[in-house]
Amino acid sequence: MAVHQMKRLFEPKHVALLGVSQDKSKSGYQFLQSLIAGNYKGKISLLGRQGGELAGLPIYTSIDDLPPDIDVAFNLLGPAQTREL
């Protein structure tokens, strides 16, 4: 794997969270809060069924609508929803 690709993995400039929710007890919400609390300085894109906003970030409802420059995506979806991607 090229050094550039490794850098994107370990020092991502753009992270996507797949499966976020407004529900504070869900892992997507908690993961986002951890990124914010950890002062992550990169771009964050969110994917969730309900849309809207979370922490001032838009929640995309379709994976096709996510920006194309994502370095790392965290799949927080259940197995049934993951197959749909």
PDB file of N, CA and C in Angstrom:
ATOM      1  N   MET A   1       0.847  -1.183   0.000  1.00  0.00           N
ATOM      2  CA  MET A   1       0.000   0.000   0.000  1.00  0.00           C
ATOM      3  C   MET A   1       0.892   1.244   0.000  1.00  0.00           C
ATOM      4  N   ALA A   2       0.583   2.196  -0.830  1.00  0.00           N
ATOM      5  CA  ALA A   2       1.373   3.415  -0.941  1.00  0.00           C
ATOM      6  C   ALA A   2       1.276   4.257   0.330  1.00  0.00           C
ATOM      7  N   VAL A   3       2.315   5.038   0.572  1.00  0.00           N
ATOM      8  CA  VAL A   3       2.357   5.898   1.755  1.00  0.00           C
ATOM      9  C   VAL A   3       1.163   6.842   1.767  1.00  0.00           C
ATOM     10  N   HIS A   4       0.799   7.369   0.616  1.00  0.00           N
ATOM     11  CA  HIS A   4      -0.346   8.292   0.529  1.00  0.00           C
ATOM     12  C   HIS A   4      -1.627   7.622   1.014  1.00  0.00           C
ATOM     13  N   GLN A   5      -1.833   6.379   0.623  1.00  0.00           N
ATOM     14  CA  GLN A   5      -3.033   5.656   1.043  1.00  0.00           C
ATOM     15  C   GLN A   5      -3.017   5.407   2.540  1.00  0.00           C
ATOM     16  N   MET A   6      -1.870   5.095   3.098  1.00  0.00           N
ATOM     17  CA  MET A   6      -1.762   4.882   4.543  1.00  0.00           C
ATOM     18  C   MET A   6      -2.046   6.176   5.293  1.00  0.00           C
ATOM     19  N   LYS A   7      -1.564   7.286   4.765  1.00  0.00           N
ATOM     20  CA  LYS A   7      -1.808   8.582   5.404  1.00  0.00           C
ATOM     21  C   LYS A   7      -3.308   8.886   5.435  1.00  0.00           C
ATOM     22  N   ARG A   8      -4.004   8.559   4.352  1.00  0.00           N
ATOM     23  CA  ARG A   8      -5.454   8.778   4.307  1.00  0.00           C
ATOM     24  C   ARG A   8      -6.162   7.945   5.367  1.00  0.00           C
ATOM     25  N   LEU A   9      -5.635   6.770   5.661  1.00  0.00           N
ATOM     26  CA  LEU A   9      -6.238   5.898   6.667  1.00  0.00           C
ATOM     27  C   LEU A   9      -5.964   6.398   8.079  1.00  0.00           C
ATOM     28  N   PHE A  10      -4.722   6.787   8.347  1.00  0.00           N
ATOM     29  CA  PHE A  10      -4.341   7.160   9.706  1.00  0.00           C
ATOM     30  C   PHE A  10      -4.455   8.647  10.007  1.00  0.00           C
ATOM     31  N   GLU A  11      -4.535   9.468   8.965  1.00  0.00           N
ATOM     32  CA  GLU A  11      -4.700  10.912   9.129  1.00  0.00           C
ATOM     33  C   GLU A  11      -5.754  11.417   8.141  1.00  0.00           C
ATOM     34  N   PRO A  12      -6.983  10.909   8.264  1.00  0.00           N
ATOM     35  CA  PRO A  12      -8.012  11.277   7.287  1.00  0.00           C
ATOM     36  C   PRO A  12      -8.389  12.758   7.364  1.00  0.00           C
ATOM     37  N   LYS A  13      -8.589  13.325   6.192  1.00  0.00           N
ATOM     38  CA  LYS A  13      -9.059  14.706   6.113  1.00  0.00           C
ATOM     39  C   LYS A  13     -10.584  14.762   6.010  1.00  0.00           C
ATOM     40  N   HIS A  14     -11.183  13.619   5.667  1.00  0.00           N
ATOM     41  CA  HIS A  14     -12.638  13.561   5.506  1.00  0.00           C
ATOM     42  C   HIS A  14     -13.131  12.195   5.976  1.00  0.00           C
ATOM     43  N   VAL A  15     -13.979  12.218   6.985  1.00  0.00           N
ATOM     44  CA  VAL A  15     -14.523  11.002   7.590  1.00  0.00           C
ATOM     45  C   VAL A  15     -16.028  10.957   7.340  1.00  0.00           C
ATOM     46  N   ALA A  16     -16.540   9.785   7.000  1.00  0.00           N
ATOM     47  CA  ALA A  16     -17.990   9.596   6.852  1.00  0.00           C
ATOM     48  C   ALA A  16     -18.462   8.627   7.927  1.00  0.00           C
ATOM     49  N   LEU A  17     -19.576   8.969   8.548  1.00  0.00           N
ATOM     50  CA  LEU A  17     -20.223   8.086   9.517  1.00  0.00           C
ATOM     51  C   LEU A  17     -21.518   7.597   8.882  1.00  0.00           C
ATOM     52  N   LEU A  18     -21.605   6.311   8.640  1.00  0.00           N
ATOM     53  CA  LEU A  18     -22.758   5.710   7.984  1.00  0.00           C
ATOM     54  C   LEU A  18     -23.668   5.094   9.039  1.00  0.00           C
ATOM     55  N   GLY A  19     -24.857   5.639   9.177  1.00  0.00           N
ATOM     56  CA  GLY A  19     -25.818   5.112  10.136  1.00  0.00           C
ATOM     57  C   GLY A  19     -25.976   5.986  11.361  1.00  0.00           C
ATOM     58  N   VAL A  20     -25.965   7.301  11.185  1.00  0.00           N
ATOM     59  CA  VAL A  20     -26.130   8.202  12.329  1.00  0.00           C
ATOM     60  C   VAL A  20     -27.604   8.402  12.641  1.00  0.00           C
ATOM     61  N   SER A  21     -27.846   8.832  13.860  1.00  0.00           N
ATOM     62  CA  SER A  21     -29.208   9.043  14.341  1.00  0.00           C
ATOM     63  C   SER A  21     -29.205  10.206  15.319  1.00  0.00           C
ATOM     64  N   GLN A  22     -30.342  10.859  15.439  1.00  0.00           N
ATOM     65  CA  GLN A  22     -30.513  11.914  16.444  1.00  0.00           C
ATOM     66  C   GLN A  22     -30.603  11.318  17.849  1.00  0.00           C
ATOM     67  N   ASP A  23     -30.807  10.006  17.925  1.00  0.00           N
ATOM     68  CA  ASP A  23     -30.944   9.298  19.203  1.00  0.00           C
ATOM     69  C   ASP A  23     -29.597   9.249  19.913  1.00  0.00           C
ATOM     70  N   LYS A  24     -29.510   9.907  21.070  1.00  0.00           N
ATOM     71  CA  LYS A  24     -28.251  10.009  21.810  1.00  0.00           C
ATOM     72  C   LYS A  24     -27.730   8.668  22.308  1.00  0.00           C
ATOM     73  N   SER A  25     -28.583   7.659  22.366  1.00  0.00           N
ATOM     74  CA  SER A  25     -28.139   6.348  22.845  1.00  0.00           C
ATOM     75  C   SER A  25     -27.532   5.492  21.732  1.00  0.00           C
ATOM     76  N   LYS A  26     -27.638   5.924  20.494  1.00  0.00           N
ATOM     77  CA  LYS A  26     -27.138   5.154  19.340  1.00  0.00           C
ATOM     78  C   LYS A  26     -25.650   5.420  19.094  1.00  0.00           C
ATOM     79  N   SER A  27     -24.986   4.438  18.538  1.00  0.00           N
ATOM     80  CA  SER A  27     -23.536   4.526  18.332  1.00  0.00           C
ATOM     81  C   SER A  27     -23.129   5.630  17.361  1.00  0.00           C
ATOM     82  N   GLY A  28     -23.945   5.899  16.340  1.00  0.00           N
ATOM     83  CA  GLY A  28     -23.607   6.950  15.392  1.00  0.00           C
ATOM     84  C   GLY A  28     -23.534   8.318  16.046  1.00  0.00           C
ATOM     85  N   TYR A  29     -24.498   8.605  16.894  1.00  0.00           N
ATOM     86  CA  TYR A  29     -24.518   9.873  17.628  1.00  0.00           C
ATOM     87  C   TYR A  29     -23.295   9.958  18.542  1.00  0.00           C
ATOM     88  N   GLN A  30     -23.032   8.885  19.263  1.00  0.00           N
ATOM     89  CA  GLN A  30     -21.915   8.864  20.204  1.00  0.00           C
ATOM     90  C   GLN A  30     -20.569   8.976  19.488  1.00  0.00           C
ATOM     91  N   PHE A  31     -20.438   8.321  18.345  1.00  0.00           N
ATOM     92  CA  PHE A  31     -19.194   8.384  17.572  1.00  0.00           C
ATOM     93  C   PHE A  31     -18.948   9.818  17.113  1.00  0.00           C
ATOM     94  N   LEU A  32     -19.987  10.476  16.616  1.00  0.00           N
ATOM     95  CA  LEU A  32     -19.852  11.868  16.182  1.00  0.00           C
ATOM     96  C   LEU A  32     -19.430  12.741  17.353  1.00  0.00           C
ATOM     97  N   GLN A  33     -20.045  12.567  18.496  1.00  0.00           N
ATOM     98  CA  GLN A  33     -19.691  13.365  19.666  1.00  0.00           C
ATOM     99  C   GLN A  33     -18.240  13.135  20.075  1.00  0.00           C
ATOM    100  N   SER A  34     -17.753  11.909  19.910  1.00  0.00           N
ATOM    101  CA  SER A  34     -16.348  11.608  20.221  1.00  0.00           C
ATOM    102  C   SER A  34     -15.407  12.337  19.271  1.00  0.00           C
ATOM    103  N   LEU A  35     -15.760  12.377  17.989  1.00  0.00           N
ATOM    104  CA  LEU A  35     -14.940  13.118  17.027  1.00  0.00           C
ATOM    105  C   LEU A  35     -14.892  14.604  17.384  1.00  0.00           C
ATOM    106  N   ILE A  36     -16.033  15.147  17.739  1.00  0.00           N
ATOM    107  CA  ILE A  36     -16.114  16.562  18.092  1.00  0.00           C
ATOM    108  C   ILE A  36     -15.325  16.835  19.374  1.00  0.00           C
ATOM    109  N   ALA A  37     -15.522  16.005  20.387  1.00  0.00           N
ATOM    110  CA  ALA A  37     -14.820  16.177  21.666  1.00  0.00           C
ATOM    111  C   ALA A  37     -13.309  16.002  21.510  1.00  0.00           C
ATOM    112  N   GLY A  38     -12.903  15.162  20.564  1.00  0.00           N
ATOM    113  CA  GLY A  38     -11.489  14.934  20.305  1.00  0.00           C
ATOM    114  C   GLY A  38     -10.865  15.981  19.396  1.00  0.00           C
ATOM    115  N   ASN A  39     -11.639  17.020  19.064  1.00  0.00           N
ATOM    116  CA  ASN A  39     -11.172  18.133  18.224  1.00  0.00           C
ATOM    117  C   ASN A  39     -10.721  17.697  16.834  1.00  0.00           C
ATOM    118  N   TYR A  40     -11.417  16.722  16.263  1.00  0.00           N
ATOM    119  CA  TYR A  40     -11.119  16.334  14.882  1.00  0.00           C
ATOM    120  C   TYR A  40     -11.325  17.553  14.005  1.00  0.00           C
ATOM    121  N   LYS A  41     -10.314  17.886  13.217  1.00  0.00           N
ATOM    122  CA  LYS A  41     -10.332  19.117  12.410  1.00  0.00           C
ATOM    123  C   LYS A  41     -10.764  18.899  10.964  1.00  0.00           C
ATOM    124  N   GLY A  42     -10.906  17.649  10.546  1.00  0.00           N
ATOM    125  CA  GLY A  42     -11.269  17.381   9.169  1.00  0.00           C
ATOM    126  C   GLY A  42     -12.767  17.517   8.920  1.00  0.00           C
ATOM    127  N   LYS A  43     -13.149  17.202   7.718  1.00  0.00           N
ATOM    128  CA  LYS A  43     -14.544  17.245   7.286  1.00  0.00           C
ATOM    129  C   LYS A  43     -15.252  15.969   7.744  1.00  0.00           C
ATOM    130  N   ILE A  44     -16.502  16.108   8.159  1.00  0.00           N
ATOM    131  CA  ILE A  44     -17.311  14.964   8.586  1.00  0.00           C
ATOM    132  C   ILE A  44     -18.588  14.947   7.754  1.00  0.00           C
ATOM    133  N   SER A  45     -18.882  13.810   7.154  1.00  0.00           N
ATOM    134  CA  SER A  45     -20.137  13.628   6.422  1.00  0.00           C
ATOM    135  C   SER A  45     -20.946  12.545   7.129  1.00  0.00           C
ATOM    136  N   LEU A  46     -22.248  12.755   7.175  1.00  0.00           N
ATOM    137  CA  LEU A  46     -23.131  11.849   7.894  1.00  0.00           C
ATOM    138  C   LEU A  46     -24.156  11.228   6.959  1.00  0.00           C
ATOM    139  N   LEU A  47     -24.457   9.964   7.190  1.00  0.00           N
ATOM    140  CA  LEU A  47     -25.495   9.258   6.447  1.00  0.00           C
ATOM    141  C   LEU A  47     -26.475   8.674   7.451  1.00  0.00           C
ATOM    142  N   GLY A  48     -27.761   8.955   7.257  1.00  0.00           N
ATOM    143  CA  GLY A  48     -28.795   8.436   8.155  1.00  0.00           C
ATOM    144  C   GLY A  48     -30.143   8.414   7.473  1.00  0.00           C
ATOM    145  N   ARG A  49     -31.011   7.580   7.976  1.00  0.00           N
ATOM    146  CA  ARG A  49     -32.347   7.422   7.366  1.00  0.00           C
ATOM    147  C   ARG A  49     -33.224   8.659   7.456  1.00  0.00           C
ATOM    148  N   GLN A  50     -33.123   9.391   8.567  1.00  0.00           N
ATOM    149  CA  GLN A  50     -34.075  10.469   8.825  1.00  0.00           C
ATOM    150  C   GLN A  50     -33.679  11.812   8.240  1.00  0.00           C
ATOM    151  N   GLY A  51     -32.438  11.954   7.818  1.00  0.00           N
ATOM    152  CA  GLY A  51     -32.014  13.234   7.274  1.00  0.00           C
ATOM    153  C   GLY A  51     -31.968  14.308   8.339  1.00  0.00           C
ATOM    154  N   GLY A  52     -32.006  15.543   7.918  1.00  0.00           N
ATOM    155  CA  GLY A  52     -31.947  16.667   8.847  1.00  0.00           C
ATOM    156  C   GLY A  52     -30.515  17.076   9.126  1.00  0.00           C
ATOM    157  N   GLU A  53     -30.258  17.488  10.358  1.00  0.00           N
ATOM    158  CA  GLU A  53     -28.936  17.920  10.781  1.00  0.00           C
ATOM    159  C   GLU A  53     -28.589  17.314  12.124  1.00  0.00           C
ATOM    160  N   LEU A  54     -27.304  17.176  12.371  1.00  0.00           N
ATOM    161  CA  LEU A  54     -26.808  16.719  13.656  1.00  0.00           C
ATOM    162  C   LEU A  54     -25.514  17.471  13.921  1.00  0.00           C
ATOM    163  N   ALA A  55     -25.459  18.176  15.037  1.00  0.00           N
ATOM    164  CA  ALA A  55     -24.293  18.991  15.403  1.00  0.00           C
ATOM    165  C   ALA A  55     -23.938  19.983  14.294  1.00  0.00           C
ATOM    166  N   GLY A  56     -24.964  20.500  13.618  1.00  0.00           N
ATOM    167  CA  GLY A  56     -24.748  21.478  12.560  1.00  0.00           C
ATOM    168  C   GLY A  56     -24.309  20.892  11.229  1.00  0.00           C
ATOM    169  N   LEU A  57     -24.257  19.564  11.142  1.00  0.00           N
ATOM    170  CA  LEU A  57     -23.857  18.889   9.902  1.00  0.00           C
ATOM    171  C   LEU A  57     -25.073  18.277   9.229  1.00  0.00           C
ATOM    172  N   PRO A  58     -25.165  18.370   7.905  1.00  0.00           N
ATOM    173  CA  PRO A  58     -26.302  17.748   7.217  1.00  0.00           C
ATOM    174  C   PRO A  58     -26.195  16.222   7.281  1.00  0.00           C
ATOM    175  N   ILE A  59     -27.339  15.578   7.408  1.00  0.00           N
ATOM    176  CA  ILE A  59     -27.392  14.122   7.360  1.00  0.00           C
ATOM    177  C   ILE A  59     -27.950  13.740   5.996  1.00  0.00           C
ATOM    178  N   TYR A  60     -27.110  13.108   5.182  1.00  0.00           N
ATOM    179  CA  TYR A  60     -27.523  12.646   3.864  1.00  0.00           C
ATOM    180  C   TYR A  60     -28.351  11.367   4.036  1.00  0.00           C
ATOM    181  N   THR A  61     -29.346  11.197   3.196  1.00  0.00           N
ATOM    182  CA  THR A  61     -30.193  10.000   3.291  1.00  0.00           C
ATOM    183  C   THR A  61     -29.862   8.965   2.227  1.00  0.00           C
ATOM    184  N   SER A  62     -28.989   9.314   1.313  1.00  0.00           N
ATOM    185  CA  SER A  62     -28.574   8.373   0.259  1.00  0.00           C
ATOM    186  C   SER A  62     -27.052   8.374   0.158  1.00  0.00           C
ATOM    187  N   ILE A  63     -26.492   7.196   0.065  1.00  0.00           N
ATOM    188  CA  ILE A  63     -25.035   7.097  -0.074  1.00  0.00           C
ATOM    189  C   ILE A  63     -24.556   7.782  -1.354  1.00  0.00           C
ATOM    190  N   ASP A  64     -25.409   7.850  -2.351  1.00  0.00           N
ATOM    191  CA  ASP A  64     -25.063   8.510  -3.611  1.00  0.00           C
ATOM    192  C   ASP A  64     -24.899  10.017  -3.458  1.00  0.00           C
ATOM    193  N   ASP A  65     -25.468  10.597  -2.386  1.00  0.00           N
ATOM    194  CA  ASP A  65     -25.385  12.032  -2.159  1.00  0.00           C
ATOM    195  C   ASP A  65     -24.159  12.453  -1.351  1.00  0.00           C
ATOM    196  N   LEU A  66     -23.444  11.482  -0.769  1.00  0.00           N
ATOM    197  CA  LEU A  66     -22.262  11.813   0.021  1.00  0.00           C
ATOM    198  C   LEU A  66     -21.187  12.436  -0.872  1.00  0.00           C
ATOM    199  N   PRO A  67     -20.401  13.373  -0.341  1.00  0.00           N
ATOM    200  CA  PRO A  67     -19.304  13.947  -1.120  1.00  0.00           C
ATOM    201  C   PRO A  67     -18.322  12.854  -1.543  1.00  0.00           C
ATOM    202  N   PRO A  68     -17.636  13.037  -2.658  1.00  0.00           N
ATOM    203  CA  PRO A  68     -16.782  11.981  -3.204  1.00  0.00           C
ATOM    204  C   PRO A  68     -15.387  11.868  -2.585  1.00  0.00           C
ATOM    205  N   ASP A  69     -14.979  12.816  -1.774  1.00  0.00           N
ATOM    206  CA  ASP A  69     -13.588  12.850  -1.302  1.00  0.00           C
ATOM    207  C   ASP A  69     -13.373  12.223   0.080  1.00  0.00           C
ATOM    208  N   ILE A  70     -14.150  11.232   0.439  1.00  0.00           N
ATOM    209  CA  ILE A  70     -14.069  10.592   1.762  1.00  0.00           C
ATOM    210  C   ILE A  70     -12.813   9.726   1.849  1.00  0.00           C
ATOM    211  N   ASP A  71     -12.063   9.911   2.927  1.00  0.00           N
ATOM    212  CA  ASP A  71     -10.861   9.112   3.165  1.00  0.00           C
ATOM    213  C   ASP A  71     -11.195   7.823   3.928  1.00  0.00           C
ATOM    214  N   VAL A  72     -12.038   7.943   4.952  1.00  0.00           N
ATOM    215  CA  VAL A  72     -12.389   6.801   5.798  1.00  0.00           C
ATOM    216  C   VAL A  72     -13.881   6.853   6.097  1.00  0.00           C
ATOM    217  N   ALA A  73     -14.543   5.708   5.984  1.00  0.00           N
ATOM    218  CA  ALA A  73     -15.965   5.608   6.329  1.00  0.00           C
ATOM    219  C   ALA A  73     -16.119   4.582   7.444  1.00  0.00           C
ATOM    220  N   PHE A  74     -16.883   4.942   8.458  1.00  0.00           N
ATOM    221  CA  PHE A  74     -17.183   4.047   9.566  1.00  0.00           C
ATOM    222  C   PHE A  74     -18.615   3.556   9.412  1.00  0.00           C
ATOM    223  N   ASN A  75     -18.760   2.261   9.255  1.00  0.00           N
ATOM    224  CA  ASN A  75     -20.072   1.662   9.071  1.00  0.00           C
ATOM    225  C   ASN A  75     -20.685   1.362  10.436  1.00  0.00           C
ATOM    226  N   LEU A  76     -21.680   2.144  10.802  1.00  0.00           N
ATOM    227  CA  LEU A  76     -22.387   1.968  12.054  1.00  0.00           C
ATOM    228  C   LEU A  76     -23.778   1.422  11.837  1.00  0.00           C
ATOM    229  N   LEU A  77     -24.002   0.916  10.637  1.00  0.00           N
ATOM    230  CA  LEU A  77     -25.286   0.314  10.263  1.00  0.00           C
ATOM    231  C   LEU A  77     -25.344  -1.140  10.728  1.00  0.00           C
ATOM    232  N   GLY A  78     -26.545  -1.645  10.894  1.00  0.00           N
ATOM    233  CA  GLY A  78     -26.722  -3.049  11.193  1.00  0.00           C
ATOM    234  C   GLY A  78     -26.533  -3.869   9.936  1.00  0.00           C
ATOM    235  N   PRO A  79     -26.417  -5.194  10.079  1.00  0.00           N
ATOM    236  CA  PRO A  79     -26.186  -6.061   8.924  1.00  0.00           C
ATOM    237  C   PRO A  79     -27.255  -5.938   7.827  1.00  0.00           C
ATOM    238  N   ALA A  80     -28.506  -5.811   8.192  1.00  0.00           N
ATOM    239  CA  ALA A  80     -29.576  -5.726   7.199  1.00  0.00           C
ATOM    240  C   ALA A  80     -29.433  -4.462   6.338  1.00  0.00           C
ATOM    241  N   GLN A  81     -29.106  -3.334   6.960  1.00  0.00           N
ATOM    242  CA  GLN A  81     -28.964  -2.078   6.227  1.00  0.00           C
ATOM    243  C   GLN A  81     -27.682  -2.060   5.402  1.00  0.00           C
ATOM    244  N   THR A  82     -26.646  -2.703   5.846  1.00  0.00           N
ATOM    245  CA  THR A  82     -25.375  -2.716   5.130  1.00  0.00           C
ATOM    246  C   THR A  82     -25.520  -3.378   3.775  1.00  0.00           C
ATOM    247  N   ARG A  83     -26.318  -4.408   3.678  1.00  0.00           N
ATOM    248  CA  ARG A  83     -26.527  -5.079   2.394  1.00  0.00           C
ATOM    249  C   ARG A  83     -27.144  -4.157   1.364  1.00  0.00           C
ATOM    250  N   GLU A  84     -27.908  -3.168   1.818  1.00  0.00           N
ATOM    251  CA  GLU A  84     -28.572  -2.240   0.902  1.00  0.00           C
ATOM    252  C   GLU A  84     -27.582  -1.312   0.224  1.00  0.00           C
ATOM    253  N   LEU A  85     -26.418  -1.086   0.797  1.00  0.00           N
ATOM    254  CA  LEU A  85     -25.427  -0.179   0.212  1.00  0.00           C
ATOM    255  C   LEU A  85     -24.882  -0.827  -1.013  1.00  0.00           C
TER     256      LEU A  85
END
